[in-house]
Amino acid sequence: MDILKTKRKVVLAAFGRLYNTLNEAVSNWDPGNRDDSKIWANLELLREKADELAKMDEEVMNLLLQEEALEEELDKEMQSADEYASKYKRISLYVQKRVSTAIKVEEDSNSFLIVNMRKFQLPTLEFKKFGSDVKDWLTFWSQFKKIVEDPEIDDADKFQYLLQATTPKTRAQEVVESFPPIGSNYSKAMECL
């Protein structure tokens, strides 16, 4: 029994460290940061520790029952087990609520959480290329403005997309190619276009 309790103390300490690290990471999480893999990895590790603790708690309870422990001691063990299970569930919901961008969490009428994930892959859209015909501008712009407005795409990359989105051997491509393809020239090329 002592060996099991000592092992459980070590797992509890690891759970506490992971919990604190995860809580701090989520509290300081920047919604503009798309790399949340570290948070999800820590949540998965925390889940593993919570599962391990649940198994150990069950073993301790069984041993205490065999030793005919007092009801107060059993109650104390149960409260401790419930505390860590509750901590895991709270932080898990907190991460999903705060960090998740690919998963939409919504509450149904029975107050159960439902996780909806897209189960299919959308086809890749191909740009409507812009040449020199003004009537094609609105079609082109309605697609391309998503790139223009995306703050996570570097201006040098936006410039490359702009080059790809112009029809070869047209006045539009000549205008874009008249600028060296560097990030600082992207806004100038867009303005001239």
Protein backbone atom coordinates (compact mmCIF):
# COMPACT_ATOMS: atom_id res chain seq x y z
CA MET A 1 0.00 0.00 0.00
CA ASP A 2 2.83 2.42 0.86
CA ILE A 3 4.54 1.78 -2.46
CA LEU A 4 1.31 2.51 -4.33
CA LYS A 5 0.73 5.73 -2.37
CA THR A 6 4.33 6.85 -3.04
CA LYS A 7 3.92 6.15 -6.76
CA ARG A 8 0.64 8.06 -6.74
CA LYS A 9 2.36 11.05 -5.08
CA VAL A 10 4.86 11.17 -7.94
CA VAL A 11 2.07 11.05 -10.55
CA LEU A 12 0.13 13.73 -8.61
CA ALA A 13 3.20 15.98 -8.68
CA ALA A 14 3.57 15.47 -12.44
CA PHE A 15 -0.14 16.15 -12.91
CA GLY A 16 0.19 19.39 -10.90
CA ARG A 17 3.16 20.60 -12.94
CA LEU A 18 1.43 19.83 -16.25
CA TYR A 19 -1.79 21.44 -15.04
CA ASN A 20 0.01 24.66 -14.07
CA THR A 21 1.99 24.77 -17.33
CA LEU A 22 -1.15 24.22 -19.39
CA ASN A 23 -3.18 26.76 -17.42
CA GLU A 24 -0.46 29.39 -17.90
CA ALA A 25 -0.08 28.61 -21.62
CA VAL A 26 -3.82 28.91 -22.23
CA SER A 27 -4.09 32.10 -20.16
CA ASN A 28 -1.27 33.70 -22.19
CA TRP A 29 -2.41 32.22 -25.52
CA ASP A 30 -2.51 34.68 -28.40
CA PRO A 31 -5.48 34.09 -30.76
CA GLY A 32 -3.31 35.29 -33.64
CA ASN A 33 -0.93 32.40 -33.03
CA ARG A 34 -2.00 29.42 -35.11
CA ASP A 35 0.50 27.01 -33.55
CA ASP A 36 -1.36 25.61 -30.58
CA SER A 37 0.14 22.11 -30.89
CA LYS A 38 2.08 22.49 -27.64
CA ILE A 39 -1.13 23.21 -25.73
CA TRP A 40 -2.93 20.21 -27.27
CA ALA A 41 0.10 17.97 -26.57
CA ASN A 42 0.16 19.07 -22.92
CA LEU A 43 -3.58 18.47 -22.64
CA GLU A 44 -3.10 14.93 -23.97
CA LEU A 45 -0.28 14.31 -21.47
CA LEU A 46 -2.50 15.64 -18.70
CA ARG A 47 -5.27 13.26 -19.79
CA GLU A 48 -2.83 10.35 -19.56
CA LYS A 49 -1.84 11.41 -16.04
CA ALA A 50 -5.51 11.77 -15.06
CA ASP A 51 -6.23 8.25 -16.36
CA GLU A 52 -3.21 6.88 -14.49
CA LEU A 53 -4.35 8.60 -11.30
CA ALA A 54 -7.87 7.18 -11.69
CA LYS A 55 -6.45 3.64 -11.89
CA MET A 56 -4.23 4.20 -8.86
CA ASP A 57 -7.11 5.72 -6.88
CA GLU A 58 -9.20 2.65 -7.63
CA GLU A 59 -6.40 0.36 -6.47
CA VAL A 60 -5.96 2.36 -3.25
CA MET A 61 -9.73 2.26 -2.59
CA ASN A 62 -9.80 -1.51 -3.13
CA LEU A 63 -6.88 -2.01 -0.74
CA LEU A 64 -8.51 0.23 1.87
CA LEU A 65 -11.74 -1.76 1.57
CA GLN A 66 -9.82 -5.00 2.03
CA GLU A 67 -8.16 -3.56 5.13
CA GLU A 68 -11.59 -2.46 6.35
CA ALA A 69 -10.54 1.17 6.61
CA LEU A 70 -12.71 3.73 8.37
CA GLU A 71 -15.41 5.50 6.43
CA GLU A 72 -13.66 8.87 6.95
CA GLU A 73 -10.48 7.56 5.33
CA LEU A 74 -12.44 6.21 2.36
CA ASP A 75 -14.28 9.51 2.03
CA LYS A 76 -10.99 11.44 2.11
CA GLU A 77 -9.56 9.25 -0.66
CA MET A 78 -12.70 9.72 -2.76
CA GLN A 79 -12.61 13.52 -2.36
CA SER A 80 -8.96 13.61 -3.42
CA ALA A 81 -9.69 11.47 -6.51
CA ASP A 82 -12.67 13.65 -7.45
CA GLU A 83 -10.63 16.83 -7.06
CA TYR A 84 -8.06 15.81 -9.68
CA ALA A 85 -10.68 14.41 -12.07
CA SER A 86 -12.56 17.70 -11.80
CA LYS A 87 -9.37 19.71 -12.39
CA TYR A 88 -8.70 17.76 -15.57
CA LYS A 89 -12.25 18.23 -16.87
CA ARG A 90 -12.22 21.97 -16.13
CA ILE A 91 -8.90 22.60 -17.88
CA SER A 92 -9.97 20.45 -20.83
CA LEU A 93 -13.11 22.52 -21.32
CA TYR A 94 -11.13 25.72 -20.82
CA VAL A 95 -8.66 24.73 -23.55
CA GLN A 96 -11.45 23.81 -25.96
CA LYS A 97 -13.31 27.03 -25.29
CA ARG A 98 -10.30 29.32 -25.48
CA VAL A 99 -7.96 27.76 -28.02
CA SER A 100 -9.92 25.62 -30.42
CA THR A 101 -10.26 27.08 -33.90
CA ALA A 102 -10.91 23.93 -35.90
CA ILE A 103 -13.47 22.62 -33.47
CA LYS A 104 -16.75 24.36 -32.87
CA VAL A 105 -18.08 23.68 -29.40
CA GLU A 106 -21.69 24.48 -28.82
CA GLU A 107 -24.24 23.75 -26.13
CA ASP A 108 -27.38 21.86 -27.04
CA SER A 109 -30.73 22.09 -25.26
CA ASN A 110 -29.77 19.40 -22.72
CA SER A 111 -26.56 21.26 -21.74
CA PHE A 112 -24.27 18.54 -23.07
CA LEU A 113 -21.21 19.66 -25.02
CA ILE A 114 -21.20 18.64 -28.65
CA VAL A 115 -17.99 18.79 -30.68
CA ASN A 116 -18.53 19.30 -34.41
CA MET A 117 -15.63 18.73 -36.75
CA ARG A 118 -15.67 18.95 -40.51
CA LYS A 119 -15.59 15.36 -41.77
CA PHE A 120 -14.68 16.12 -45.38
CA GLN A 121 -11.95 17.88 -47.29
CA LEU A 122 -12.96 20.84 -49.41
CA PRO A 123 -11.37 21.01 -52.87
CA THR A 124 -8.57 23.51 -53.35
CA LEU A 125 -9.78 26.68 -55.01
CA GLU A 126 -7.91 27.85 -58.06
CA PHE A 127 -7.47 31.58 -58.50
CA LYS A 128 -9.38 33.37 -61.17
CA LYS A 129 -6.42 34.94 -62.95
CA PHE A 130 -6.47 38.62 -63.77
CA GLY A 131 -5.26 39.87 -67.13
CA SER A 132 -5.95 43.31 -68.48
CA ASP A 133 -9.72 43.15 -68.89
CA VAL A 134 -11.40 45.42 -66.34
CA LYS A 135 -14.58 43.31 -66.32
CA ASP A 136 -12.57 40.42 -64.74
CA TRP A 137 -11.35 42.60 -61.87
CA LEU A 138 -14.32 42.02 -59.49
CA THR A 139 -14.16 38.23 -59.86
CA PHE A 140 -10.41 38.29 -59.29
CA TRP A 141 -10.61 40.71 -56.37
CA SER A 142 -13.35 38.79 -54.54
CA GLN A 143 -10.98 35.83 -54.28
CA PHE A 144 -7.67 37.63 -53.87
CA LYS A 145 -8.79 40.00 -51.10
CA LYS A 146 -8.76 37.05 -48.67
CA ILE A 147 -5.01 36.88 -49.13
CA VAL A 148 -4.64 40.66 -48.92
CA GLU A 149 -6.57 40.81 -45.63
CA ASP A 150 -4.85 37.83 -43.97
CA PRO A 151 -2.36 39.25 -41.43
CA GLU A 152 -0.56 35.91 -41.09
CA ILE A 153 0.66 35.84 -44.69
CA ASP A 154 3.95 37.63 -45.16
CA ASP A 155 4.06 40.40 -47.80
CA ALA A 156 6.74 38.51 -49.76
CA ASP A 157 4.38 35.51 -49.98
CA LYS A 158 1.49 37.78 -50.93
CA PHE A 159 3.66 39.11 -53.75
CA GLN A 160 4.26 35.57 -55.03
CA TYR A 161 0.51 34.84 -54.91
CA LEU A 162 -0.10 38.05 -56.85
CA LEU A 163 2.38 36.94 -59.53
CA GLN A 164 0.63 33.57 -59.80
CA ALA A 165 -2.79 35.22 -59.97
CA THR A 166 -2.03 37.30 -63.05
CA THR A 167 -2.49 35.96 -66.56
CA PRO A 168 0.85 35.44 -68.37
CA LYS A 169 1.81 37.91 -71.09
CA THR A 170 -0.83 40.49 -70.12
CA ARG A 171 -0.52 44.10 -69.02
CA ALA A 172 -1.45 43.08 -65.44
CA GLN A 173 1.46 40.66 -65.21
CA GLU A 174 3.83 43.20 -66.77
CA VAL A 175 2.85 45.72 -64.08
CA VAL A 176 3.42 43.22 -61.26
CA GLU A 177 6.70 41.96 -62.74
CA SER A 178 8.00 45.52 -63.08
CA PHE A 179 8.68 45.40 -59.32
CA PRO A 180 11.37 43.21 -57.78
CA PRO A 181 9.50 40.38 -55.98
CA ILE A 182 10.17 41.40 -52.38
CA GLY A 183 7.76 42.04 -49.55
CA SER A 184 8.22 45.81 -49.46
CA ASN A 185 7.14 46.06 -53.13
CA TYR A 186 3.92 44.11 -52.67
CA SER A 187 1.76 47.09 -51.66
CA LYS A 188 3.22 49.18 -54.51
CA ALA A 189 2.40 46.47 -57.06
CA MET A 190 -1.14 46.13 -55.71
CA GLU A 191 -1.63 49.90 -55.90
CA CYS A 192 -0.46 50.05 -59.51
CA LEU A 193 -2.60 47.06 -60.44
